[in-house]
C-alpha atoms as a PDB file:
ATOM      1  CA  MET A   1      -6.585  28.208  -4.875  1.00  0.00           C
ATOM      2  CA  THR A   2      -9.044  25.317  -5.189  1.00  0.00           C
ATOM      3  CA  SER A   3     -10.541  23.543  -2.217  1.00  0.00           C
ATOM      4  CA  ARG A   4      -8.898  20.301  -1.134  1.00  0.00           C
ATOM      5  CA  ARG A   5     -12.159  18.582  -0.268  1.00  0.00           C
ATOM      6  CA  ARG A   6     -15.676  17.878  -1.402  1.00  0.00           C
ATOM      7  CA  PHE A   7     -17.514  16.095   1.417  1.00  0.00           C
ATOM      8  CA  ILE A   8     -14.868  17.241   3.855  1.00  0.00           C
ATOM      9  CA  LEU A   9     -15.021  18.356   7.447  1.00  0.00           C
ATOM     10  CA  PRO A  10     -12.077  20.019   9.160  1.00  0.00           C
ATOM     11  CA  ALA A  11     -10.593  17.633  11.709  1.00  0.00           C
ATOM     12  CA  ALA A  12     -11.728  19.733  14.683  1.00  0.00           C
ATOM     13  CA  ALA A  13     -15.301  19.935  13.383  1.00  0.00           C
ATOM     14  CA  ALA A  14     -15.421  16.204  12.654  1.00  0.00           C
ATOM     15  CA  LEU A  15     -14.212  15.356  16.138  1.00  0.00           C
ATOM     16  CA  ALA A  16     -16.722  17.797  17.647  1.00  0.00           C
ATOM     17  CA  LEU A  17     -19.528  16.018  15.813  1.00  0.00           C
ATOM     18  CA  LEU A  18     -18.228  12.691  17.025  1.00  0.00           C
ATOM     19  CA  SER A  19     -18.451  13.830  20.626  1.00  0.00           C
ATOM     20  CA  ALA A  20     -22.188  14.377  20.141  1.00  0.00           C
ATOM     21  CA  LEU A  21     -22.790  10.877  18.743  1.00  0.00           C
ATOM     22  CA  PRO A  22     -23.742   7.845  20.844  1.00  0.00           C
ATOM     23  CA  ALA A  23     -20.686   5.822  21.870  1.00  0.00           C
ATOM     24  CA  ALA A  24     -21.759   2.814  19.784  1.00  0.00           C
ATOM     25  CA  ALA A  25     -21.827   4.969  16.644  1.00  0.00           C
ATOM     26  CA  GLN A  26     -18.235   6.063  17.014  1.00  0.00           C
ATOM     27  CA  THR A  27     -16.548   2.846  18.144  1.00  0.00           C
ATOM     28  CA  PHE A  28     -14.674   1.885  14.964  1.00  0.00           C
ATOM     29  CA  ILE A  29     -14.259   2.269  11.247  1.00  0.00           C
ATOM     30  CA  THR A  30     -13.223  -0.365   8.725  1.00  0.00           C
ATOM     31  CA  LEU A  31     -10.153   0.441   6.651  1.00  0.00           C
ATOM     32  CA  ALA A  32      -9.455  -1.641   3.534  1.00  0.00           C
ATOM     33  CA  SER A  33      -5.745  -1.367   2.912  1.00  0.00           C
ATOM     34  CA  THR A  34      -2.758  -3.212   1.576  1.00  0.00           C
ATOM     35  CA  THR A  35      -0.767  -6.109   2.935  1.00  0.00           C
ATOM     36  CA  SER A  36       2.336  -3.925   2.621  1.00  0.00           C
ATOM     37  CA  THR A  37       1.070  -1.329   5.108  1.00  0.00           C
ATOM     38  CA  GLU A  38       0.011  -4.115   7.468  1.00  0.00           C
ATOM     39  CA  ASN A  39       3.060  -6.387   7.046  1.00  0.00           C
ATOM     40  CA  SER A  40       5.463  -3.484   7.468  1.00  0.00           C
ATOM     41  CA  GLY A  41       4.130  -2.745  10.955  1.00  0.00           C
ATOM     42  CA  LEU A  42       3.069   0.807  10.052  1.00  0.00           C
ATOM     43  CA  PHE A  43      -0.517   0.442  11.257  1.00  0.00           C
ATOM     44  CA  ALA A  44       0.564  -1.075  14.569  1.00  0.00           C
ATOM     45  CA  HIS A  45       2.583   2.123  15.046  1.00  0.00           C
ATOM     46  CA  ILE A  46       0.150   4.847  13.943  1.00  0.00           C
ATOM     47  CA  LEU A  47      -3.367   3.552  14.648  1.00  0.00           C
ATOM     48  CA  PRO A  48      -3.003   3.589  18.458  1.00  0.00           C
ATOM     49  CA  LEU A  49      -2.044   7.271  18.130  1.00  0.00           C
ATOM     50  CA  PHE A  50      -5.236   8.010  16.193  1.00  0.00           C
ATOM     51  CA  LEU A  51      -7.292   6.053  18.721  1.00  0.00           C
ATOM     52  CA  ARG A  52      -5.738   8.128  21.501  1.00  0.00           C
ATOM     53  CA  ASP A  53      -6.505  11.389  19.702  1.00  0.00           C
ATOM     54  CA  SER A  54     -10.028  10.560  18.493  1.00  0.00           C
ATOM     55  CA  GLY A  55     -11.470   7.646  20.439  1.00  0.00           C
ATOM     56  CA  ILE A  56     -12.040   5.844  17.104  1.00  0.00           C
ATOM     57  CA  GLU A  57     -10.658   2.348  16.558  1.00  0.00           C
ATOM     58  CA  VAL A  58      -9.529   1.504  13.021  1.00  0.00           C
ATOM     59  CA  ARG A  59     -10.046  -2.126  12.029  1.00  0.00           C
ATOM     60  CA  VAL A  60      -7.866  -3.041   9.072  1.00  0.00           C
ATOM     61  CA  VAL A  61      -8.784  -5.480   6.315  1.00  0.00           C
ATOM     62  CA  ALA A  62      -5.397  -6.190   4.710  1.00  0.00           C
ATOM     63  CA  GLN A  63      -5.702  -7.138   1.024  1.00  0.00           C
ATOM     64  CA  GLY A  64      -4.083  -6.450  -2.287  1.00  0.00           C
ATOM     65  CA  THR A  65      -4.984  -3.023  -3.673  1.00  0.00           C
ATOM     66  CA  GLY A  66      -7.393  -4.457  -6.266  1.00  0.00           C
ATOM     67  CA  GLN A  67      -9.218  -6.447  -3.581  1.00  0.00           C
ATOM     68  CA  ALA A  68      -9.244  -3.461  -1.201  1.00  0.00           C
ATOM     69  CA  LEU A  69     -10.836  -1.252  -3.845  1.00  0.00           C
ATOM     70  CA  GLU A  70     -13.398  -3.974  -4.563  1.00  0.00           C
ATOM     71  CA  THR A  71     -14.174  -4.090  -0.839  1.00  0.00           C
ATOM     72  CA  GLY A  72     -14.801  -0.346  -1.031  1.00  0.00           C
ATOM     73  CA  ARG A  73     -17.012  -0.757  -4.118  1.00  0.00           C
ATOM     74  CA  ARG A  74     -19.191  -3.205  -2.192  1.00  0.00           C
ATOM     75  CA  GLY A  75     -19.452  -0.786   0.717  1.00  0.00           C
ATOM     76  CA  ASP A  76     -17.718  -3.233   3.047  1.00  0.00           C
ATOM     77  CA  ALA A  77     -15.223  -0.581   4.181  1.00  0.00           C
ATOM     78  CA  ASP A  78     -15.507   3.043   5.215  1.00  0.00           C
ATOM     79  CA  VAL A  79     -12.090   4.127   3.938  1.00  0.00           C
ATOM     80  CA  VAL A  80      -9.517   2.666   1.540  1.00  0.00           C
ATOM     81  CA  LEU A  81      -5.757   3.312   1.728  1.00  0.00           C
ATOM     82  CA  VAL A  82      -3.954   1.752  -1.238  1.00  0.00           C
ATOM     83  CA  HIS A  83      -1.110   2.199  -3.711  1.00  0.00           C
ATOM     84  CA  ALA A  84      -2.100   2.015  -7.361  1.00  0.00           C
ATOM     85  CA  ARG A  85      -2.926   5.571  -8.375  1.00  0.00           C
ATOM     86  CA  PRO A  86      -4.647   4.926 -11.753  1.00  0.00           C
ATOM     87  CA  GLN A  87      -7.008   2.445 -10.102  1.00  0.00           C
ATOM     88  CA  GLU A  88      -7.617   4.857  -7.204  1.00  0.00           C
ATOM     89  CA  GLU A  89      -8.510   7.668  -9.605  1.00  0.00           C
ATOM     90  CA  GLN A  90     -10.844   5.337 -11.500  1.00  0.00           C
ATOM     91  CA  PHE A  91     -12.484   4.371  -8.193  1.00  0.00           C
ATOM     92  CA  VAL A  92     -13.244   8.060  -7.538  1.00  0.00           C
ATOM     93  CA  ALA A  93     -14.260   8.812 -11.146  1.00  0.00           C
ATOM     94  CA  GLU A  94     -16.818   5.982 -11.040  1.00  0.00           C
ATOM     95  CA  GLY A  95     -18.353   7.480  -7.906  1.00  0.00           C
ATOM     96  CA  HIS A  96     -17.276   4.777  -5.462  1.00  0.00           C
ATOM     97  CA  GLY A  97     -15.152   7.215  -3.445  1.00  0.00           C
ATOM     98  CA  LEU A  98     -15.318  10.942  -2.814  1.00  0.00           C
ATOM     99  CA  GLN A  99     -11.771  12.233  -3.185  1.00  0.00           C
ATOM    100  CA  ARG A 100      -8.237  10.866  -3.226  1.00  0.00           C
ATOM    101  CA  PHE A 101      -5.582  12.364  -0.956  1.00  0.00           C
ATOM    102  CA  ASP A 102      -1.846  11.744  -1.066  1.00  0.00           C
ATOM    103  CA  VAL A 103      -0.654  10.236   2.212  1.00  0.00           C
ATOM    104  CA  MET A 104       2.896   8.934   1.833  1.00  0.00           C
ATOM    105  CA  TYR A 105       5.304   7.142  -0.457  1.00  0.00           C
ATOM    106  CA  ASN A 106       8.215   4.753  -0.508  1.00  0.00           C
ATOM    107  CA  ASP A 107       9.594   2.681  -3.381  1.00  0.00           C
ATOM    108  CA  PHE A 108       9.741  -0.818  -4.765  1.00  0.00           C
ATOM    109  CA  VAL A 109      12.922  -2.883  -4.734  1.00  0.00           C
ATOM    110  CA  ILE A 110      13.973  -6.028  -6.574  1.00  0.00           C
ATOM    111  CA  VAL A 111      15.270  -8.715  -4.254  1.00  0.00           C
ATOM    112  CA  GLY A 112      16.686 -12.109  -5.066  1.00  0.00           C
ATOM    113  CA  PRO A 113      19.315 -14.746  -4.335  1.00  0.00           C
ATOM    114  CA  ILE A 114      22.495 -13.273  -2.866  1.00  0.00           C
ATOM    115  CA  GLY A 115      24.563 -14.768  -5.709  1.00  0.00           C
ATOM    116  CA  ASP A 116      22.350 -12.909  -8.246  1.00  0.00           C
ATOM    117  CA  PRO A 117      22.473 -15.571 -11.020  1.00  0.00           C
ATOM    118  CA  ALA A 118      20.586 -13.305 -13.469  1.00  0.00           C
ATOM    119  CA  GLY A 119      22.914 -10.331 -12.959  1.00  0.00           C
ATOM    120  CA  VAL A 120      20.133  -8.026 -11.843  1.00  0.00           C
ATOM    121  CA  GLY A 121      22.529  -5.853  -9.848  1.00  0.00           C
ATOM    122  CA  ALA A 122      24.322  -4.820 -13.045  1.00  0.00           C
ATOM    123  CA  ALA A 123      21.148  -3.582 -14.790  1.00  0.00           C
ATOM    124  CA  ASP A 124      20.782   0.084 -15.704  1.00  0.00           C
ATOM    125  CA  THR A 125      16.996   0.263 -15.286  1.00  0.00           C
ATOM    126  CA  ALA A 126      14.263  -1.725 -13.552  1.00  0.00           C
ATOM    127  CA  PRO A 127      12.880  -3.048 -16.882  1.00  0.00           C
ATOM    128  CA  ASP A 128      16.426  -4.156 -17.781  1.00  0.00           C
ATOM    129  CA  ALA A 129      16.605  -5.997 -14.462  1.00  0.00           C
ATOM    130  CA  MET A 130      13.341  -7.791 -15.192  1.00  0.00           C
ATOM    131  CA  ALA A 131      14.517  -8.645 -18.706  1.00  0.00           C
ATOM    132  CA  ALA A 132      17.688 -10.173 -17.238  1.00  0.00           C
ATOM    133  CA  ILE A 133      15.590 -12.397 -14.942  1.00  0.00           C
ATOM    134  CA  ALA A 134      13.465 -13.563 -17.879  1.00  0.00           C
ATOM    135  CA  ALA A 135      16.492 -14.171 -20.110  1.00  0.00           C
ATOM    136  CA  ALA A 136      18.074 -16.361 -17.438  1.00  0.00           C
ATOM    137  CA  GLU A 137      14.709 -18.010 -16.674  1.00  0.00           C
ATOM    138  CA  ALA A 138      15.632 -17.496 -13.036  1.00  0.00           C
ATOM    139  CA  PRO A 139      12.774 -18.186 -10.611  1.00  0.00           C
ATOM    140  CA  PHE A 140      10.636 -15.117  -9.971  1.00  0.00           C
ATOM    141  CA  ALA A 141       7.914 -15.011  -7.305  1.00  0.00           C
ATOM    142  CA  SER A 142       5.044 -12.760  -8.377  1.00  0.00           C
ATOM    143  CA  ARG A 143       2.208 -11.793  -6.074  1.00  0.00           C
ATOM    144  CA  GLY A 144      -0.249 -12.388  -8.921  1.00  0.00           C
ATOM    145  CA  ASP A 145      -3.069 -10.858  -6.900  1.00  0.00           C
ATOM    146  CA  ASP A 146      -3.952  -7.534  -8.582  1.00  0.00           C
ATOM    147  CA  SER A 147      -2.242  -5.720  -5.704  1.00  0.00           C
ATOM    148  CA  GLY A 148      -0.427  -2.421  -6.129  1.00  0.00           C
ATOM    149  CA  THR A 149       2.835  -4.357  -6.154  1.00  0.00           C
ATOM    150  CA  HIS A 150       1.534  -6.735  -8.815  1.00  0.00           C
ATOM    151  CA  VAL A 151       0.333  -3.802 -10.939  1.00  0.00           C
ATOM    152  CA  ALA A 152       3.785  -2.207 -10.650  1.00  0.00           C
ATOM    153  CA  GLU A 153       5.438  -5.511 -11.575  1.00  0.00           C
ATOM    154  CA  MET A 154       3.305  -5.910 -14.693  1.00  0.00           C
ATOM    155  CA  ALA A 155       4.158  -2.341 -15.744  1.00  0.00           C
ATOM    156  CA  LEU A 156       7.855  -3.256 -15.529  1.00  0.00           C
ATOM    157  CA  TRP A 157       7.376  -6.367 -17.675  1.00  0.00           C
ATOM    158  CA  GLN A 158       5.451  -4.285 -20.202  1.00  0.00           C
ATOM    159  CA  ALA A 159       8.227  -1.661 -20.253  1.00  0.00           C
ATOM    160  CA  ALA A 160      10.678  -4.488 -20.894  1.00  0.00           C
ATOM    161  CA  GLY A 161       8.523  -5.719 -23.799  1.00  0.00           C
ATOM    162  CA  LEU A 162       7.886  -9.045 -22.100  1.00  0.00           C
ATOM    163  CA  ALA A 163       4.949 -11.192 -21.016  1.00  0.00           C
ATOM    164  CA  PRO A 164       6.426 -13.531 -18.386  1.00  0.00           C
ATOM    165  CA  ALA A 165       5.465 -17.204 -18.592  1.00  0.00           C
ATOM    166  CA  GLY A 166       7.005 -20.559 -17.918  1.00  0.00           C
ATOM    167  CA  THR A 167       7.944 -22.741 -14.993  1.00  0.00           C
ATOM    168  CA  TRP A 168      10.370 -20.092 -13.719  1.00  0.00           C
ATOM    169  CA  TYR A 169       7.517 -17.583 -13.212  1.00  0.00           C
ATOM    170  CA  LEU A 170       5.759 -18.369  -9.943  1.00  0.00           C
ATOM    171  CA  SER A 171       2.415 -16.650  -9.311  1.00  0.00           C
ATOM    172  CA  THR A 172       1.775 -16.951  -5.577  1.00  0.00           C
ATOM    173  CA  GLY A 173      -1.630 -15.262  -5.313  1.00  0.00           C
ATOM    174  CA  SER A 174      -0.466 -14.131  -1.884  1.00  0.00           C
ATOM    175  CA  GLY A 175       0.355 -11.015   0.090  1.00  0.00           C
ATOM    176  CA  MET A 176       3.768  -9.412   0.224  1.00  0.00           C
ATOM    177  CA  GLY A 177       5.050 -11.197   3.302  1.00  0.00           C
ATOM    178  CA  ALA A 178       3.911 -14.616   2.084  1.00  0.00           C
ATOM    179  CA  THR A 179       5.419 -13.991  -1.360  1.00  0.00           C
ATOM    180  CA  LEU A 180       8.766 -13.055   0.186  1.00  0.00           C
ATOM    181  CA  ASN A 181       8.639 -16.235   2.254  1.00  0.00           C
ATOM    182  CA  ILE A 182       8.170 -18.259  -0.935  1.00  0.00           C
ATOM    183  CA  ALA A 183      11.004 -16.348  -2.636  1.00  0.00           C
ATOM    184  CA  ALA A 184      13.270 -17.169   0.311  1.00  0.00           C
ATOM    185  CA  GLN A 185      12.386 -20.852   0.131  1.00  0.00           C
ATOM    186  CA  VAL A 186      12.955 -21.308  -3.619  1.00  0.00           C
ATOM    187  CA  PRO A 187      15.103 -19.028  -3.716  1.00  0.00           C
ATOM    188  CA  ALA A 188      13.625 -16.630  -6.268  1.00  0.00           C
ATOM    189  CA  TYR A 189      13.634 -13.000  -7.324  1.00  0.00           C
ATOM    190  CA  ALA A 190      10.694 -10.807  -6.312  1.00  0.00           C
ATOM    191  CA  LEU A 191       9.466  -7.233  -6.463  1.00  0.00           C
ATOM    192  CA  ALA A 192       8.698  -5.903  -2.986  1.00  0.00           C
ATOM    193  CA  ASP A 193       7.792  -2.600  -1.434  1.00  0.00           C
ATOM    194  CA  ARG A 194      10.709  -1.315   0.621  1.00  0.00           C
ATOM    195  CA  GLY A 195       8.645  -1.079   3.799  1.00  0.00           C
ATOM    196  CA  THR A 196       7.796  -4.788   3.858  1.00  0.00           C
ATOM    197  CA  TRP A 197      11.331  -5.746   2.822  1.00  0.00           C
ATOM    198  CA  LEU A 198      12.914  -3.750   5.645  1.00  0.00           C
ATOM    199  CA  SER A 199      10.601  -5.319   8.218  1.00  0.00           C
ATOM    200  CA  PHE A 200      10.877  -8.853   6.750  1.00  0.00           C
ATOM    201  CA  GLU A 201      12.806 -11.120   9.110  1.00  0.00           C
ATOM    202  CA  ASN A 202      12.951 -14.372   7.116  1.00  0.00           C
ATOM    203  CA  ARG A 203      15.324 -13.185   4.385  1.00  0.00           C
ATOM    204  CA  GLY A 204      17.480 -16.299   4.366  1.00  0.00           C
ATOM    205  CA  PRO A 205      19.319 -16.340   0.999  1.00  0.00           C
ATOM    206  CA  LEU A 206      17.714 -13.119  -0.268  1.00  0.00           C
ATOM    207  CA  ALA A 207      19.298  -9.686  -0.666  1.00  0.00           C
ATOM    208  CA  LEU A 208      18.224  -6.341  -2.080  1.00  0.00           C
ATOM    209  CA  LEU A 209      19.744  -6.308  -5.577  1.00  0.00           C
ATOM    210  CA  PHE A 210      18.212  -3.349  -7.438  1.00  0.00           C
ATOM    211  CA  ASP A 211      16.586  -0.054  -6.486  1.00  0.00           C
ATOM    212  CA  GLY A 212      16.579   3.632  -7.340  1.00  0.00           C
ATOM    213  CA  ASP A 213      14.799   3.662 -10.716  1.00  0.00           C
ATOM    214  CA  PRO A 214      12.061   6.353 -10.893  1.00  0.00           C
ATOM    215  CA  MET A 215       9.723   3.639 -12.203  1.00  0.00           C
ATOM    216  CA  LEU A 216       9.889   2.094  -8.723  1.00  0.00           C
ATOM    217  CA  PHE A 217       8.249   5.106  -7.032  1.00  0.00           C
ATOM    218  CA  ASN A 218       5.376   3.879  -4.845  1.00  0.00           C
ATOM    219  CA  PRO A 219       2.775   6.480  -3.708  1.00  0.00           C
ATOM    220  CA  TYR A 220      -0.121   5.725  -1.350  1.00  0.00           C
ATOM    221  CA  GLY A 221      -3.531   7.427  -1.402  1.00  0.00           C
ATOM    222  CA  ILE A 222      -6.544   7.462   0.917  1.00  0.00           C
ATOM    223  CA  ILE A 223     -10.233   7.730  -0.090  1.00  0.00           C
ATOM    224  CA  LEU A 224     -13.524   7.901   1.788  1.00  0.00           C
ATOM    225  CA  VAL A 225     -16.057   5.421   0.393  1.00  0.00           C
ATOM    226  CA  ASN A 226     -19.045   7.302  -1.031  1.00  0.00           C
ATOM    227  CA  PRO A 227     -21.837   7.381   1.599  1.00  0.00           C
ATOM    228  CA  GLU A 228     -24.386   8.240  -1.105  1.00  0.00           C
ATOM    229  CA  ARG A 229     -23.717   4.808  -2.631  1.00  0.00           C
ATOM    230  CA  HIS A 230     -23.605   3.089   0.757  1.00  0.00           C
ATOM    231  CA  PRO A 231     -25.552   4.975   3.447  1.00  0.00           C
ATOM    232  CA  HIS A 232     -24.146   2.754   6.224  1.00  0.00           C
ATOM    233  CA  VAL A 233     -20.620   4.092   5.606  1.00  0.00           C
ATOM    234  CA  LYS A 234     -19.354   5.912   8.690  1.00  0.00           C
ATOM    235  CA  ALA A 235     -18.585   9.081   6.796  1.00  0.00           C
ATOM    236  CA  VAL A 236     -17.922  11.400   9.734  1.00  0.00           C
ATOM    237  CA  GLU A 237     -15.644   8.939  11.506  1.00  0.00           C
ATOM    238  CA  GLY A 238     -13.938   7.944   8.251  1.00  0.00           C
ATOM    239  CA  GLN A 239     -13.332  11.567   7.347  1.00  0.00           C
ATOM    240  CA  ALA A 240     -11.944  12.194  10.824  1.00  0.00           C
ATOM    241  CA  PHE A 241      -9.336   9.495  10.140  1.00  0.00           C
ATOM    242  CA  ILE A 242      -8.495  10.968   6.734  1.00  0.00           C
ATOM    243  CA  ASP A 243      -8.169  14.445   8.221  1.00  0.00           C
ATOM    244  CA  TRP A 244      -5.889  13.086  10.941  1.00  0.00           C
ATOM    245  CA  ILE A 245      -3.586  11.053   8.694  1.00  0.00           C
ATOM    246  CA  ILE A 246      -3.018  14.007   6.337  1.00  0.00           C
ATOM    247  CA  SER A 247      -2.625  16.450   9.241  1.00  0.00           C
ATOM    248  CA  ALA A 248       0.688  17.424  10.806  1.00  0.00           C
ATOM    249  CA  ALA A 249       0.102  14.911  13.611  1.00  0.00           C
ATOM    250  CA  GLY A 250      -0.624  11.999  11.265  1.00  0.00           C
ATOM    251  CA  GLN A 251       2.205  12.850   8.917  1.00  0.00           C
ATOM    252  CA  ALA A 252       4.617  13.058  11.845  1.00  0.00           C
ATOM    253  CA  ALA A 253       3.410   9.649  13.050  1.00  0.00           C
ATOM    254  CA  ILE A 254       4.172   8.138   9.622  1.00  0.00           C
ATOM    255  CA  ALA A 255       7.608   9.768   9.477  1.00  0.00           C
ATOM    256  CA  SER A 256       8.501   8.536  12.949  1.00  0.00           C
ATOM    257  CA  TYR A 257       8.047   4.863  12.089  1.00  0.00           C
ATOM    258  CA  ARG A 258      11.400   3.165  11.646  1.00  0.00           C
ATOM    259  CA  VAL A 259      12.737  -0.374  11.543  1.00  0.00           C
ATOM    260  CA  LYS A 260      16.353  -0.871  12.547  1.00  0.00           C
ATOM    261  CA  GLY A 261      16.827   2.887  12.255  1.00  0.00           C
ATOM    262  CA  GLU A 262      15.473   3.113   8.687  1.00  0.00           C
ATOM    263  CA  GLN A 263      12.397   5.155   7.766  1.00  0.00           C
ATOM    264  CA  LEU A 264       9.911   2.996   5.859  1.00  0.00           C
ATOM    265  CA  PHE A 265       7.401   5.583   4.609  1.00  0.00           C
ATOM    266  CA  PHE A 266       7.721   9.252   3.720  1.00  0.00           C
ATOM    267  CA  PRO A 267       4.704  11.549   4.272  1.00  0.00           C
ATOM    268  CA  ASN A 268       3.609  13.638   1.300  1.00  0.00           C
ATOM    269  CA  ALA A 269       0.145  15.042   2.043  1.00  0.00           C
ATOM    270  CA  GLU A 270      -0.313  18.537   0.674  1.00  0.00           C
END
């Protein structure tokens, strides 16, 4: 059986090292992550538990996945937690991060006007649903921000054999919550992660219209930024967070987060 880690300390050893460090050196780490994990309320639920267990505060920079990975490349974060696996693996292969770990998953859903003018609800597959939106030229709000959600959306258009363009295609350049707000105002269709959709209060005329296609699977991974590239990276503290979130305690914290009785994320660390 191969080892799960390269520059990896067992959680107990990492926390023991932390206890020997000056207090100022162990105050916080910076986590570059997605607007979906922030907007869904997940971090507000789990990060206080990690702080209680470790004494380490996690300060979140919420961005699209592409921006979060770029923040990691610059060394402006200690850890990244994102959801676009090919880009994550490239990040590691290029030496910007040490190792990717599975953390959790949920799925994407297609939401839109309750009346469903494009007939998305009758589609057999997610690409068929997107093709129906394009054929009807029904307004569609795209994040347009190189986020994990935007990457997934573009893969669906490609699978449908389409390159969306026109006045009906609205590129917001915004996070998930802001894009859903725009979709509610228009109203327009949108691709959203289920976690943000379930926690989104301003639904107005929007409803969940399509889900369940395997293409909508949405896994999240976590990576320590390479301290050899950026010596200021808080590698011990960052690894302590990684070890915690993929441990039984961290995975249980993720599984326990619910909105209106519904579980938003499903732990899947090895």
